[in-house]
Amino acid sequence: AVQLRNATPGRVYFDAKKAAGKTSMEAMRALKRRLSNVVYRRMVHDQQTRQAAGPGGHSGTTRQSSVTDLPPDIGSSDKPQPGPTTTQPNPHFPAAS
């Protein structure tokens, strides 16, 4: 019914069925069948894509790759450096004796 409210491909299809001599109910039934076929084809395509994907549902993964794999080696120049040190005493901690 939503397909019929606006100028959509569904509305064009419905109007074509009506122009071909179908009743409103027959045209609506044909539109519903067409929409269900579109949804079904999309579900089949998504399932095939999911089956073609590797483990974990992602294409390009292997049984050896994992989220828990170690990160690649990073050179020291790529690592974040600690911020500047402060020479001010921390008021929340007593000074060391």
N, C-alpha and C. Protein backbone atom coordinates (compact mmCIF):
# COMPACT_ATOMS: atom_id res chain seq x y z
N ALA A 1 0.82 -1.18 0.00
CA ALA A 1 0.00 0.00 0.00
C ALA A 1 0.88 1.26 0.00
N VAL A 2 2.02 1.22 0.70
CA VAL A 2 2.91 2.37 0.73
C VAL A 2 3.46 2.65 -0.66
N GLN A 3 3.68 1.61 -1.44
CA GLN A 3 4.19 1.77 -2.81
C GLN A 3 3.21 2.58 -3.67
N LEU A 4 1.94 2.60 -3.31
CA LEU A 4 0.94 3.27 -4.13
C LEU A 4 0.75 4.73 -3.75
N ARG A 5 1.24 5.15 -2.58
CA ARG A 5 1.02 6.52 -2.13
C ARG A 5 1.80 7.55 -2.94
N ASN A 6 2.99 7.18 -3.37
CA ASN A 6 3.87 8.11 -4.08
C ASN A 6 4.18 7.57 -5.47
N ALA A 7 4.84 8.41 -6.25
CA ALA A 7 5.25 7.99 -7.60
C ALA A 7 6.49 7.10 -7.47
N THR A 8 6.25 5.80 -7.37
CA THR A 8 7.32 4.82 -7.22
C THR A 8 7.22 3.80 -8.35
N PRO A 9 8.25 2.99 -8.52
CA PRO A 9 8.12 1.90 -9.51
C PRO A 9 6.94 0.99 -9.20
N GLY A 10 6.61 0.83 -7.92
CA GLY A 10 5.46 0.02 -7.55
C GLY A 10 4.16 0.62 -8.05
N ARG A 11 4.07 1.94 -7.97
CA ARG A 11 2.87 2.63 -8.46
C ARG A 11 2.74 2.47 -9.97
N VAL A 12 3.85 2.58 -10.68
CA VAL A 12 3.86 2.40 -12.13
C VAL A 12 3.40 0.99 -12.49
N TYR A 13 3.92 -0.01 -11.74
CA TYR A 13 3.56 -1.41 -11.98
C TYR A 13 2.06 -1.62 -11.73
N PHE A 14 1.55 -1.08 -10.61
CA PHE A 14 0.14 -1.20 -10.27
C PHE A 14 -0.74 -0.57 -11.36
N ASP A 15 -0.36 0.64 -11.78
CA ASP A 15 -1.15 1.32 -12.81
C ASP A 15 -1.13 0.55 -14.13
N ALA A 16 0.00 -0.06 -14.46
CA ALA A 16 0.09 -0.85 -15.69
C ALA A 16 -0.82 -2.07 -15.61
N LYS A 17 -0.88 -2.70 -14.44
CA LYS A 17 -1.78 -3.86 -14.27
C LYS A 17 -3.24 -3.43 -14.41
N LYS A 18 -3.56 -2.28 -13.82
CA LYS A 18 -4.94 -1.77 -13.94
C LYS A 18 -5.27 -1.45 -15.39
N ALA A 19 -4.31 -0.85 -16.12
CA ALA A 19 -4.53 -0.51 -17.52
C ALA A 19 -4.68 -1.77 -18.37
N ALA A 20 -4.09 -2.89 -17.90
CA ALA A 20 -4.19 -4.15 -18.64
C ALA A 20 -5.50 -4.87 -18.35
N GLY A 21 -6.37 -4.26 -17.52
CA GLY A 21 -7.68 -4.84 -17.28
C GLY A 21 -7.84 -5.56 -15.95
N LYS A 22 -6.83 -5.52 -15.10
CA LYS A 22 -6.95 -6.18 -13.80
C LYS A 22 -7.79 -5.31 -12.86
N THR A 23 -8.47 -5.96 -11.92
CA THR A 23 -9.18 -5.21 -10.89
C THR A 23 -8.16 -4.65 -9.90
N SER A 24 -8.60 -3.75 -9.04
CA SER A 24 -7.69 -3.19 -8.04
C SER A 24 -7.11 -4.28 -7.15
N MET A 25 -7.93 -5.23 -6.75
CA MET A 25 -7.46 -6.32 -5.88
C MET A 25 -6.45 -7.21 -6.63
N GLU A 26 -6.71 -7.49 -7.90
CA GLU A 26 -5.78 -8.30 -8.69
C GLU A 26 -4.45 -7.57 -8.90
N ALA A 27 -4.53 -6.27 -9.17
CA ALA A 27 -3.32 -5.48 -9.36
C ALA A 27 -2.52 -5.40 -8.05
N MET A 28 -3.23 -5.25 -6.93
CA MET A 28 -2.57 -5.21 -5.62
C MET A 28 -1.90 -6.55 -5.32
N ARG A 29 -2.59 -7.66 -5.62
CA ARG A 29 -2.01 -8.98 -5.40
C ARG A 29 -0.75 -9.17 -6.25
N ALA A 30 -0.79 -8.70 -7.49
CA ALA A 30 0.38 -8.80 -8.37
C ALA A 30 1.54 -7.96 -7.83
N LEU A 31 1.23 -6.77 -7.33
CA LEU A 31 2.28 -5.91 -6.76
C LEU A 31 2.89 -6.55 -5.52
N LYS A 32 2.05 -7.12 -4.66
CA LYS A 32 2.58 -7.80 -3.46
C LYS A 32 3.47 -8.98 -3.84
N ARG A 33 3.06 -9.74 -4.82
CA ARG A 33 3.87 -10.86 -5.27
C ARG A 33 5.20 -10.37 -5.83
N ARG A 34 5.15 -9.28 -6.60
CA ARG A 34 6.39 -8.72 -7.15
C ARG A 34 7.32 -8.26 -6.03
N LEU A 35 6.77 -7.58 -5.02
CA LEU A 35 7.59 -7.11 -3.90
C LEU A 35 8.18 -8.28 -3.11
N SER A 36 7.37 -9.33 -2.91
CA SER A 36 7.89 -10.49 -2.17
C SER A 36 9.00 -11.18 -2.97
N ASN A 37 8.88 -11.18 -4.30
CA ASN A 37 9.95 -11.76 -5.13
C ASN A 37 11.23 -10.96 -5.02
N VAL A 38 11.12 -9.64 -4.97
CA VAL A 38 12.29 -8.78 -4.83
C VAL A 38 12.98 -9.05 -3.48
N VAL A 39 12.18 -9.13 -2.42
CA VAL A 39 12.74 -9.39 -1.09
C VAL A 39 13.39 -10.77 -1.05
N TYR A 40 12.74 -11.77 -1.63
CA TYR A 40 13.28 -13.12 -1.64
C TYR A 40 14.62 -13.17 -2.38
N ARG A 41 14.68 -12.54 -3.57
CA ARG A 41 15.94 -12.53 -4.32
C ARG A 41 17.05 -11.86 -3.51
N ARG A 42 16.72 -10.79 -2.78
CA ARG A 42 17.72 -10.11 -1.97
C ARG A 42 18.20 -11.01 -0.83
N MET A 43 17.28 -11.73 -0.22
CA MET A 43 17.66 -12.65 0.87
C MET A 43 18.57 -13.76 0.35
N VAL A 44 18.26 -14.30 -0.81
CA VAL A 44 19.08 -15.36 -1.41
C VAL A 44 20.47 -14.80 -1.73
N HIS A 45 20.52 -13.61 -2.30
CA HIS A 45 21.81 -12.98 -2.62
C HIS A 45 22.64 -12.75 -1.36
N ASP A 46 21.99 -12.24 -0.30
CA ASP A 46 22.71 -12.01 0.96
C ASP A 46 23.24 -13.30 1.55
N GLN A 47 22.45 -14.38 1.46
CA GLN A 47 22.89 -15.68 1.98
C GLN A 47 24.08 -16.19 1.19
N GLN A 48 24.05 -16.05 -0.12
CA GLN A 48 25.17 -16.50 -0.95
C GLN A 48 26.42 -15.69 -0.63
N THR A 49 26.27 -14.39 -0.41
CA THR A 49 27.39 -13.53 -0.04
C THR A 49 27.95 -13.96 1.30
N ARG A 50 27.06 -14.27 2.25
CA ARG A 50 27.49 -14.70 3.58
C ARG A 50 28.25 -16.02 3.51
N GLN A 51 27.79 -16.95 2.67
CA GLN A 51 28.46 -18.24 2.53
C GLN A 51 29.80 -18.10 1.85
N ALA A 52 29.93 -17.11 0.95
CA ALA A 52 31.20 -16.90 0.25
C ALA A 52 32.22 -16.23 1.15
N ALA A 53 31.76 -15.58 2.21
CA ALA A 53 32.67 -14.91 3.13
C ALA A 53 33.42 -15.94 3.95
N GLY A 54 34.52 -15.54 4.48
CA GLY A 54 35.34 -16.43 5.30
C GLY A 54 34.79 -16.55 6.70
N PRO A 55 35.56 -17.16 7.59
CA PRO A 55 35.13 -17.30 8.98
C PRO A 55 34.86 -15.93 9.59
N GLY A 56 33.88 -15.86 10.42
CA GLY A 56 33.54 -14.60 11.05
C GLY A 56 32.66 -13.73 10.18
N GLY A 57 32.29 -14.21 8.98
CA GLY A 57 31.40 -13.47 8.12
C GLY A 57 32.05 -12.36 7.31
N HIS A 58 33.36 -12.28 7.33
CA HIS A 58 34.05 -11.22 6.60
C HIS A 58 34.85 -11.83 5.47
N SER A 59 34.71 -11.26 4.29
CA SER A 59 35.50 -11.78 3.18
C SER A 59 36.96 -11.41 3.40
N GLY A 60 37.83 -12.31 3.00
CA GLY A 60 39.26 -12.08 3.15
C GLY A 60 39.84 -12.64 4.43
N THR A 61 38.99 -13.16 5.31
CA THR A 61 39.51 -13.75 6.54
C THR A 61 39.85 -15.21 6.32
N THR A 62 40.72 -15.72 7.13
CA THR A 62 41.08 -17.13 7.08
C THR A 62 40.95 -17.70 8.47
N ARG A 63 41.09 -18.99 8.58
CA ARG A 63 41.02 -19.60 9.91
C ARG A 63 42.23 -19.20 10.76
N GLN A 64 43.31 -18.77 10.11
CA GLN A 64 44.50 -18.37 10.85
C GLN A 64 44.40 -16.92 11.31
N SER A 65 43.64 -16.07 10.60
CA SER A 65 43.55 -14.67 11.02
C SER A 65 42.50 -14.56 12.11
N SER A 66 42.68 -13.61 12.96
CA SER A 66 41.78 -13.46 14.09
C SER A 66 41.85 -12.05 14.61
N VAL A 67 40.83 -11.65 15.31
CA VAL A 67 40.84 -10.33 15.93
C VAL A 67 41.92 -10.28 16.99
N THR A 68 42.24 -11.44 17.56
CA THR A 68 43.22 -11.47 18.64
C THR A 68 44.64 -11.63 18.12
N ASP A 69 44.84 -11.60 16.80
CA ASP A 69 46.20 -11.68 16.27
C ASP A 69 47.03 -10.53 16.83
N LEU A 70 48.33 -10.76 16.92
CA LEU A 70 49.22 -9.71 17.37
C LEU A 70 49.27 -8.59 16.34
N PRO A 71 49.39 -7.35 16.80
CA PRO A 71 49.47 -6.26 15.84
C PRO A 71 50.81 -6.31 15.11
N PRO A 72 50.88 -5.72 13.96
CA PRO A 72 52.16 -5.71 13.24
C PRO A 72 53.19 -4.91 14.04
N ASP A 73 54.47 -5.22 13.78
CA ASP A 73 55.53 -4.49 14.47
C ASP A 73 55.46 -3.01 14.10
N ILE A 74 55.60 -2.19 15.11
CA ILE A 74 55.58 -0.75 14.89
C ILE A 74 56.94 -0.20 15.34
N GLY A 75 57.56 0.56 14.50
CA GLY A 75 58.84 1.16 14.85
C GLY A 75 58.67 2.18 15.97
N SER A 76 59.76 2.48 16.68
CA SER A 76 59.67 3.39 17.82
C SER A 76 59.22 4.78 17.39
N SER A 77 59.51 5.18 16.16
CA SER A 77 59.09 6.52 15.74
C SER A 77 57.58 6.58 15.49
N ASP A 78 56.94 5.41 15.32
CA ASP A 78 55.50 5.39 15.10
C ASP A 78 54.71 5.27 16.39
N LYS A 79 55.39 4.95 17.49
CA LYS A 79 54.69 4.76 18.76
C LYS A 79 54.42 6.10 19.42
N PRO A 80 53.30 6.22 20.11
CA PRO A 80 53.04 7.48 20.81
C PRO A 80 54.05 7.65 21.94
N GLN A 81 54.49 8.84 22.11
CA GLN A 81 55.47 9.16 23.15
C GLN A 81 54.74 9.71 24.37
N PRO A 82 55.30 9.50 25.58
CA PRO A 82 54.65 10.06 26.77
C PRO A 82 54.69 11.58 26.73
N GLY A 83 53.73 12.19 27.38
CA GLY A 83 53.66 13.65 27.42
C GLY A 83 54.78 14.22 28.28
N PRO A 84 54.85 15.53 28.36
CA PRO A 84 55.92 16.15 29.16
C PRO A 84 55.72 15.86 30.64
N THR A 85 56.83 15.78 31.35
CA THR A 85 56.75 15.56 32.79
C THR A 85 56.58 16.88 33.48
N THR A 86 55.99 16.82 34.65
CA THR A 86 55.79 18.04 35.43
C THR A 86 56.71 18.02 36.64
N THR A 87 57.20 19.17 37.00
CA THR A 87 58.07 19.26 38.18
C THR A 87 57.29 19.74 39.38
N GLN A 88 56.02 20.00 39.22
CA GLN A 88 55.18 20.46 40.32
C GLN A 88 54.76 19.26 41.16
N PRO A 89 54.78 19.40 42.48
CA PRO A 89 54.33 18.29 43.34
C PRO A 89 52.82 18.08 43.17
N ASN A 90 52.40 16.85 43.28
CA ASN A 90 51.00 16.50 43.19
C ASN A 90 50.36 16.75 44.54
N PRO A 91 49.36 17.62 44.63
CA PRO A 91 48.76 17.94 45.93
C PRO A 91 48.00 16.77 46.54
N HIS A 92 47.68 15.76 45.76
CA HIS A 92 46.90 14.62 46.27
C HIS A 92 47.78 13.57 46.93
N PHE A 93 49.10 13.61 46.71
CA PHE A 93 50.00 12.61 47.26
C PHE A 93 51.07 13.32 48.08
N PRO A 94 51.39 12.78 49.24
CA PRO A 94 52.46 13.41 50.03
C PRO A 94 53.81 13.21 49.35
N ALA A 95 54.70 14.14 49.57
CA ALA A 95 56.04 14.05 48.98
C ALA A 95 56.78 12.86 49.56
N ALA A 96 57.57 12.20 48.73
CA ALA A 96 58.35 11.04 49.18
C ALA A 96 59.47 11.51 50.08
N SER A 97 59.75 10.75 51.15
CA SER A 97 60.82 11.18 52.05
C SER A 97 62.08 10.38 51.82
